[in-house]
Amino acid sequence: MDRRTFLFVFSLGALSAPLAAEAQQAEKVYRVGLLALLPGADATRQMKALKARLRDLGYIEGKNLVFEFRSAEGRPERLATLAAELLQLGPDVIIAGGGTLTAQTAKQATRIVPVVMAGVGDAIASGLVATLARPGGNVTGLSALAPDIAGKRLEFLRDAMPTVNQVAVLANPITPFVAQALKVVADAARALRIQIHVVEMTAPDQLDRAFEAVLSAKPGALLVLEDPLTFALRTQIAGLAAQHRLPSVFGSRDYVEVGGLMSYGTDLADLSSRAAIYVDKILKGANPADLPVEQPTKFELVINLKTAKALGLTIPTPLLARADEVIE
C-alpha cells in the first residue's frame, strides 16, 4: 500500500470512528419499570402526563424507551412479586406510583436500581429517604404530602354551604399521613365551628358499613381523605353520596370526575410530569442520593356543577370564580 492510499484509508477510519460511536449512542434503549398499586393506572391522566413529558425530553416509546408496566390491581400483597418481576427485566430506573406502599416495596426490592417516587405521603417518616434535601439512597422523587390543605377543603365546603355545621370524615387509618391530615381537619373544624365525625375504613368490603356509620351521624356533608383505598372506590363513594344527597369534598379531581361535588388538592398530573424530569436526570447519570425530594407546588380546585344541581345546591359565584375547572 503506497503512502497516498494509506492516508486515504486512515482518514476514512478516523472519520468513521465518531460516527460509529454516535450511532451506538443513538441506539441506546432505556428500560423504565412502572410499579402501580391500582388497576388501570397506565391509562390515567397522571401516566399520560408522565409519558408526554418524557417525549418532550426526547424519550420515544418504541424507539429509545421501553416501558415495563406492572399493576397490583388494588392488591397490596402482590406488589413484592411484581417488583421482583420488574427487576428481572433489568430496568434502568423504576417509577413507583400509587402512594407510599408502592415506593416502600420498590425500595425493599432493590438498593441498586434507582427508584423515582411519583407522589408519596411522608417520605421521611415512611423510611424512604433520610432527608428531603439529600435522600441518601436509591430513592428520590416527588412527595404529595401537603396535609394543611385538608383543612382548606372544609373552608371551601363552608363557602359552598354557609350553614353546614356537621361533616363526616371518611378515612383509612392505615395510610401513613392520615393521622396528620385528621389533626389538620380537626383544627380547621374548630376554627370554623364545624363538628366532625370520623368514620374509618380499611378494606373495600367495609364501604357499605362505613357509609351506614356516615349516615347515622346525620352530617350536612362528607369529606373524604384520599388514599389508594378511597381512590379505588371513588365511583362507589361518589355514587353513595349522590344517592343520599350528601355534598362531598375530596382531595383529587378524579373523585369529582365520577360525580363528587368538589375537590381541592395536589395536581397529581403535575407531579407525574415532574417525575419524568427525575427519570431524565438519572438516565443521564445523576445519583438519586443527591437529587432532593420535591414537594407539591400546584394545587387545583374542581367543582362539579352537574352534581351541585342534582343536590339542589347553588354554588356562590365567588367560589366558582376561584375554581381551576368547573364540570358542567
Protein backbone atom coordinates (compact mmCIF):
# COMPACT_ATOMS: atom_id res chain seq x y z
CA MET A 1 0.00 0.00 0.00
CA ASP A 2 1.52 3.34 -1.04
CA ARG A 3 1.56 6.39 1.20
CA ARG A 4 -1.36 8.10 -0.56
CA THR A 5 -3.60 5.07 -0.23
CA PHE A 6 -2.62 4.64 3.41
CA LEU A 7 -3.52 8.25 4.25
CA PHE A 8 -6.89 7.88 2.47
CA VAL A 9 -7.81 4.70 4.37
CA PHE A 10 -6.59 6.21 7.64
CA SER A 11 -8.71 9.31 7.07
CA LEU A 12 -11.82 7.23 6.41
CA GLY A 13 -11.21 5.30 9.63
CA ALA A 14 -10.73 8.48 11.64
CA LEU A 15 -13.95 9.96 10.27
CA SER A 16 -16.00 6.81 10.76
CA ALA A 17 -14.98 6.31 14.41
CA PRO A 18 -17.02 9.20 15.86
CA LEU A 19 -19.90 8.37 13.54
CA ALA A 20 -19.92 4.80 14.80
CA ALA A 21 -19.78 6.00 18.40
CA GLU A 22 -22.65 8.41 17.76
CA ALA A 23 -24.72 5.67 16.13
CA GLN A 24 -24.05 3.36 19.04
CA GLN A 25 -25.15 6.07 21.47
CA ALA A 26 -28.28 6.79 19.41
CA GLU A 27 -29.21 3.12 19.55
CA LYS A 28 -29.30 3.10 23.37
CA VAL A 29 -32.72 1.93 24.52
CA TYR A 30 -33.69 2.74 28.09
CA ARG A 31 -35.93 0.42 30.05
CA VAL A 32 -38.23 2.07 32.60
CA GLY A 33 -40.24 0.00 35.04
CA LEU A 34 -43.54 1.32 36.36
CA LEU A 35 -44.92 -0.22 39.54
CA ALA A 36 -48.51 0.69 40.45
CA LEU A 37 -50.96 -0.37 43.10
CA LEU A 38 -54.20 0.49 41.35
CA PRO A 39 -55.78 -1.15 38.29
CA GLY A 40 -55.84 0.92 35.13
CA ALA A 41 -53.02 3.15 36.39
CA ASP A 42 -51.38 3.00 32.96
CA ALA A 43 -54.31 4.93 31.44
CA THR A 44 -54.71 7.72 33.99
CA ARG A 45 -54.10 11.43 33.48
CA GLN A 46 -51.01 11.05 35.63
CA MET A 47 -49.48 8.39 33.38
CA LYS A 48 -50.32 10.37 30.26
CA ALA A 49 -48.62 13.42 31.77
CA LEU A 50 -45.54 11.35 32.62
CA LYS A 51 -45.22 9.94 29.12
CA ALA A 52 -45.87 13.31 27.50
CA ARG A 53 -43.05 14.96 29.48
CA LEU A 54 -40.69 12.08 28.67
CA ARG A 55 -41.47 12.57 24.98
CA ASP A 56 -40.69 16.26 25.34
CA LEU A 57 -37.36 15.27 26.88
CA GLY A 58 -36.55 13.09 23.87
CA TYR A 59 -37.60 9.64 25.07
CA ILE A 60 -39.79 7.99 22.45
CA GLU A 61 -41.60 4.81 23.41
CA GLY A 62 -40.73 2.03 21.00
CA LYS A 63 -37.63 3.87 19.77
CA ASN A 64 -35.27 4.65 22.63
CA LEU A 65 -37.61 3.87 25.52
CA VAL A 66 -39.34 0.71 26.68
CA PHE A 67 -41.96 0.79 29.43
CA GLU A 68 -42.46 -2.26 31.61
CA PHE A 69 -45.75 -1.77 33.50
CA ARG A 70 -46.91 -3.85 36.45
CA SER A 71 -50.06 -3.21 38.49
CA ALA A 72 -51.11 -4.95 41.69
CA GLU A 73 -54.74 -4.39 40.64
CA GLY A 74 -55.51 -2.93 44.05
CA ARG A 75 -53.98 -5.87 45.96
CA PRO A 76 -51.00 -4.66 48.03
CA GLU A 77 -49.84 -8.21 48.75
CA ARG A 78 -48.91 -8.58 45.07
CA LEU A 79 -46.53 -5.61 44.98
CA ALA A 80 -43.41 -7.50 46.14
CA THR A 81 -43.80 -10.18 43.46
CA LEU A 82 -44.37 -7.57 40.75
CA ALA A 83 -41.35 -5.55 41.87
CA ALA A 84 -39.23 -8.71 41.60
CA GLU A 85 -40.59 -9.29 38.08
CA LEU A 86 -39.60 -5.79 37.04
CA LEU A 87 -36.09 -6.23 38.39
CA GLN A 88 -35.67 -9.41 36.34
CA LEU A 89 -36.19 -7.27 33.24
CA GLY A 90 -33.16 -5.13 34.06
CA PRO A 91 -34.72 -1.65 34.27
CA ASP A 92 -32.55 1.46 34.26
CA VAL A 93 -34.99 3.09 36.68
CA ILE A 94 -38.27 2.19 38.40
CA ILE A 95 -41.11 4.66 38.84
CA ALA A 96 -43.25 3.92 41.90
CA GLY A 97 -46.78 5.30 41.65
CA GLY A 98 -49.91 4.95 43.72
CA GLY A 99 -48.76 6.02 47.17
CA THR A 100 -46.22 5.25 49.84
CA LEU A 101 -46.63 1.48 49.91
CA THR A 102 -45.56 1.11 46.29
CA ALA A 103 -42.39 3.12 46.84
CA GLN A 104 -41.59 1.19 50.02
CA THR A 105 -41.97 -2.09 48.15
CA ALA A 106 -39.66 -0.92 45.37
CA LYS A 107 -37.03 0.16 47.90
CA GLN A 108 -37.24 -3.17 49.73
CA ALA A 109 -36.81 -4.99 46.41
CA THR A 110 -33.61 -3.16 45.39
CA ARG A 111 -30.98 -0.88 46.85
CA ILE A 112 -29.21 -0.57 43.48
CA VAL A 113 -31.74 0.33 40.77
CA PRO A 114 -32.85 3.98 41.11
CA VAL A 115 -36.46 4.43 42.23
CA VAL A 116 -38.45 7.59 41.44
CA MET A 117 -41.47 8.27 43.65
CA ALA A 118 -44.33 9.80 41.66
CA GLY A 119 -46.10 11.11 44.76
CA VAL A 120 -45.94 9.63 48.26
CA GLY A 121 -47.05 10.81 51.68
CA ASP A 122 -44.37 11.45 54.28
CA ALA A 123 -41.18 10.22 52.59
CA ILE A 124 -39.08 10.66 55.74
CA ALA A 125 -41.43 9.09 58.29
CA SER A 126 -42.03 6.13 55.99
CA GLY A 127 -38.27 5.45 55.79
CA LEU A 128 -37.96 6.12 52.07
CA VAL A 129 -35.36 8.87 52.36
CA ALA A 130 -33.01 10.23 55.03
CA THR A 131 -33.87 13.87 54.35
CA LEU A 132 -35.71 15.71 51.60
CA ALA A 133 -32.60 17.69 50.68
CA ARG A 134 -30.33 14.63 50.50
CA PRO A 135 -32.28 11.38 50.14
CA GLY A 136 -29.11 9.36 50.67
CA GLY A 137 -30.11 6.13 48.93
CA ASN A 138 -31.52 4.91 45.64
CA VAL A 139 -34.93 6.54 46.14
CA THR A 140 -35.94 10.10 45.28
CA GLY A 141 -38.76 11.90 43.51
CA LEU A 142 -41.94 13.72 44.46
CA SER A 143 -43.84 13.92 47.72
CA ALA A 144 -47.57 14.61 47.56
CA LEU A 145 -47.67 15.45 51.26
CA ALA A 146 -49.48 18.70 51.92
CA PRO A 147 -51.68 17.92 54.94
CA ASP A 148 -52.51 21.59 55.57
CA ILE A 149 -54.75 21.64 52.52
CA ALA A 150 -57.05 19.03 54.10
CA GLY A 151 -58.31 21.86 56.32
CA LYS A 152 -58.71 24.10 53.29
CA ARG A 153 -61.29 21.67 51.92
CA LEU A 154 -63.51 22.40 54.90
CA GLU A 155 -63.21 26.11 54.13
CA PHE A 156 -64.31 25.55 50.54
CA LEU A 157 -67.18 23.39 51.80
CA ARG A 158 -68.29 26.20 54.10
CA ASP A 159 -68.03 28.65 51.19
CA ALA A 160 -70.34 26.41 49.18
CA MET A 161 -72.69 25.69 52.10
CA PRO A 162 -72.55 28.55 54.65
CA THR A 163 -74.95 26.78 57.03
CA VAL A 164 -73.14 23.42 57.24
CA ASN A 165 -72.13 22.63 60.83
CA GLN A 166 -71.59 18.87 60.83
CA VAL A 167 -69.29 16.97 58.47
CA ALA A 168 -68.48 13.26 58.31
CA VAL A 169 -64.87 12.40 57.51
CA LEU A 170 -64.17 9.10 55.75
CA ALA A 171 -60.57 7.99 56.30
CA ASN A 172 -58.29 4.97 56.09
CA PRO A 173 -56.16 4.98 59.28
CA ILE A 174 -53.62 2.62 57.71
CA THR A 175 -52.49 5.35 55.31
CA PRO A 176 -49.37 6.95 56.85
CA PHE A 177 -50.33 10.61 56.51
CA VAL A 178 -53.99 10.26 57.57
CA ALA A 179 -53.31 10.87 61.28
CA GLN A 180 -51.61 14.15 60.42
CA ALA A 181 -54.34 15.14 57.98
CA LEU A 182 -57.04 14.37 60.56
CA LYS A 183 -55.35 16.68 63.04
CA VAL A 184 -55.34 19.47 60.46
CA VAL A 185 -59.02 18.84 59.67
CA ALA A 186 -59.87 18.89 63.39
CA ASP A 187 -58.06 22.22 63.85
CA ALA A 188 -59.82 23.71 60.83
CA ALA A 189 -63.18 22.41 62.05
CA ARG A 190 -62.73 24.10 65.42
CA ALA A 191 -61.86 27.38 63.74
CA LEU A 192 -64.94 27.11 61.52
CA ARG A 193 -67.14 25.83 64.36
CA ILE A 194 -67.91 22.65 62.46
CA GLN A 195 -68.35 19.34 64.24
CA ILE A 196 -66.66 16.40 62.52
CA HIS A 197 -67.46 12.68 62.78
CA VAL A 198 -64.58 10.44 61.72
CA VAL A 199 -65.51 7.12 60.12
CA GLU A 200 -62.70 4.64 59.47
CA MET A 201 -62.49 2.14 56.62
CA THR A 202 -59.52 -0.14 55.89
CA ALA A 203 -60.80 -2.52 53.18
CA PRO A 204 -63.14 -2.35 50.16
CA ASP A 205 -65.73 -4.66 51.72
CA GLN A 206 -66.17 -2.18 54.58
CA LEU A 207 -67.60 0.59 52.40
CA ASP A 208 -71.29 -0.15 52.93
CA ARG A 209 -70.86 -0.44 56.69
CA ALA A 210 -68.76 2.71 56.76
CA PHE A 211 -71.38 4.63 54.84
CA GLU A 212 -74.06 3.49 57.25
CA ALA A 213 -71.93 4.99 60.02
CA VAL A 214 -71.59 8.19 57.99
CA LEU A 215 -75.35 8.49 57.58
CA SER A 216 -76.04 7.71 61.24
CA ALA A 217 -74.09 10.84 62.19
CA LYS A 218 -76.59 12.88 60.12
CA PRO A 219 -73.89 15.15 58.65
CA GLY A 220 -74.51 18.02 56.30
CA ALA A 221 -71.61 16.98 54.09
CA LEU A 222 -68.88 14.38 53.59
CA LEU A 223 -65.11 14.91 53.45
CA VAL A 224 -63.06 12.00 52.10
CA LEU A 225 -59.32 11.78 52.81
CA GLU A 226 -57.65 10.42 49.71
CA ASP A 227 -55.53 7.28 49.67
CA PRO A 228 -55.26 4.24 47.35
CA LEU A 229 -58.30 2.61 49.00
CA THR A 230 -60.73 5.51 48.65
CA PHE A 231 -59.30 6.27 45.20
CA ALA A 232 -60.08 2.74 44.05
CA LEU A 233 -63.61 3.13 45.45
CA ARG A 234 -64.13 6.69 44.25
CA THR A 235 -67.01 5.88 41.89
CA GLN A 236 -68.89 3.96 44.58
CA ILE A 237 -68.25 6.65 47.21
CA ALA A 238 -69.41 9.44 44.91
CA GLY A 239 -72.45 7.35 43.96
CA LEU A 240 -73.44 6.71 47.57
CA ALA A 241 -73.03 10.39 48.42
CA ALA A 242 -75.25 11.37 45.49
CA GLN A 243 -77.80 8.68 46.34
CA HIS A 244 -78.16 10.05 49.86
CA ARG A 245 -77.98 13.68 48.69
CA LEU A 246 -74.81 14.29 50.65
CA PRO A 247 -72.48 17.02 49.32
CA SER A 248 -68.94 15.67 49.16
CA VAL A 249 -65.45 17.13 49.04
CA PHE A 250 -62.28 15.24 48.10
CA GLY A 251 -58.55 15.68 47.64
CA SER A 252 -58.34 14.87 43.94
CA ARG A 253 -60.25 15.79 40.80
CA ASP A 254 -60.56 12.10 39.93
CA TYR A 255 -63.35 11.83 42.52
CA VAL A 256 -65.20 14.82 41.08
CA GLU A 257 -64.99 13.48 37.53
CA VAL A 258 -67.07 10.48 38.65
CA GLY A 259 -69.74 12.53 40.44
CA GLY A 260 -68.24 14.05 43.60
CA LEU A 261 -69.20 17.66 44.32
CA MET A 262 -65.79 19.29 44.66
CA SER A 263 -62.11 18.65 45.26
CA TYR A 264 -59.09 20.61 46.33
CA GLY A 265 -55.65 19.10 46.38
CA THR A 266 -52.32 18.44 44.76
CA ASP A 267 -52.31 18.37 40.98
CA LEU A 268 -51.23 14.73 40.58
CA ALA A 269 -50.70 15.05 36.84
CA ASP A 270 -48.21 17.84 37.55
CA LEU A 271 -46.35 15.56 39.99
CA SER A 272 -46.16 12.81 37.38
CA SER A 273 -44.87 15.24 34.79
CA ARG A 274 -42.16 16.39 37.20
CA ALA A 275 -41.26 12.75 37.92
CA ALA A 276 -40.20 12.47 34.27
CA ILE A 277 -37.52 15.09 34.94
CA TYR A 278 -36.04 12.86 37.66
CA VAL A 279 -36.03 9.93 35.25
CA ASP A 280 -34.23 12.03 32.66
CA LYS A 281 -31.57 13.19 35.14
CA ILE A 282 -30.97 9.64 36.39
CA LEU A 283 -30.71 8.21 32.87
CA LYS A 284 -28.13 10.89 32.15
CA GLY A 285 -26.02 9.78 35.11
CA ALA A 286 -27.34 11.67 38.16
CA ASN A 287 -27.17 9.89 41.52
CA PRO A 288 -30.63 9.66 43.15
CA ALA A 289 -28.99 10.06 46.56
CA ASP A 290 -28.11 13.63 45.57
CA LEU A 291 -31.43 14.61 43.95
CA PRO A 292 -33.61 16.44 46.51
CA VAL A 293 -37.18 15.25 47.03
CA GLU A 294 -39.57 17.93 45.81
CA GLN A 295 -42.95 18.76 47.32
CA PRO A 296 -46.16 19.78 45.56
CA THR A 297 -46.32 23.31 44.22
CA LYS A 298 -49.50 23.19 42.16
CA PHE A 299 -52.98 22.72 43.63
CA GLU A 300 -56.38 22.75 41.98
CA LEU A 301 -60.00 23.35 42.93
CA VAL A 302 -62.51 21.45 40.80
CA ILE A 303 -66.30 21.77 41.11
CA ASN A 304 -68.95 19.56 39.52
CA LEU A 305 -71.91 21.83 38.73
CA LYS A 306 -73.98 18.90 37.47
CA THR A 307 -73.70 17.26 40.89
CA ALA A 308 -74.46 20.58 42.62
CA LYS A 309 -77.67 20.97 40.63
CA ALA A 310 -78.70 17.39 41.41
CA LEU A 311 -78.20 18.17 45.10
CA GLY A 312 -80.16 21.40 44.82
CA LEU A 313 -77.10 23.49 45.66
CA THR A 314 -76.29 26.87 44.17
CA ILE A 315 -72.54 27.36 44.22
CA PRO A 316 -71.71 31.01 45.01
CA THR A 317 -70.21 32.95 42.11
CA PRO A 318 -67.02 33.92 44.02
CA LEU A 319 -66.28 30.24 44.67
CA LEU A 320 -66.88 29.33 41.03
CA ALA A 321 -64.51 32.12 40.03
CA ARG A 322 -61.78 30.56 42.19
CA ALA A 323 -62.19 27.12 40.64
CA ASP A 324 -59.50 25.86 38.29
CA GLU A 325 -62.12 23.81 36.49
CA VAL A 326 -65.92 23.62 36.56
CA ILE A 327 -67.50 20.42 35.27
CA GLU A 328 -70.94 21.00 33.74
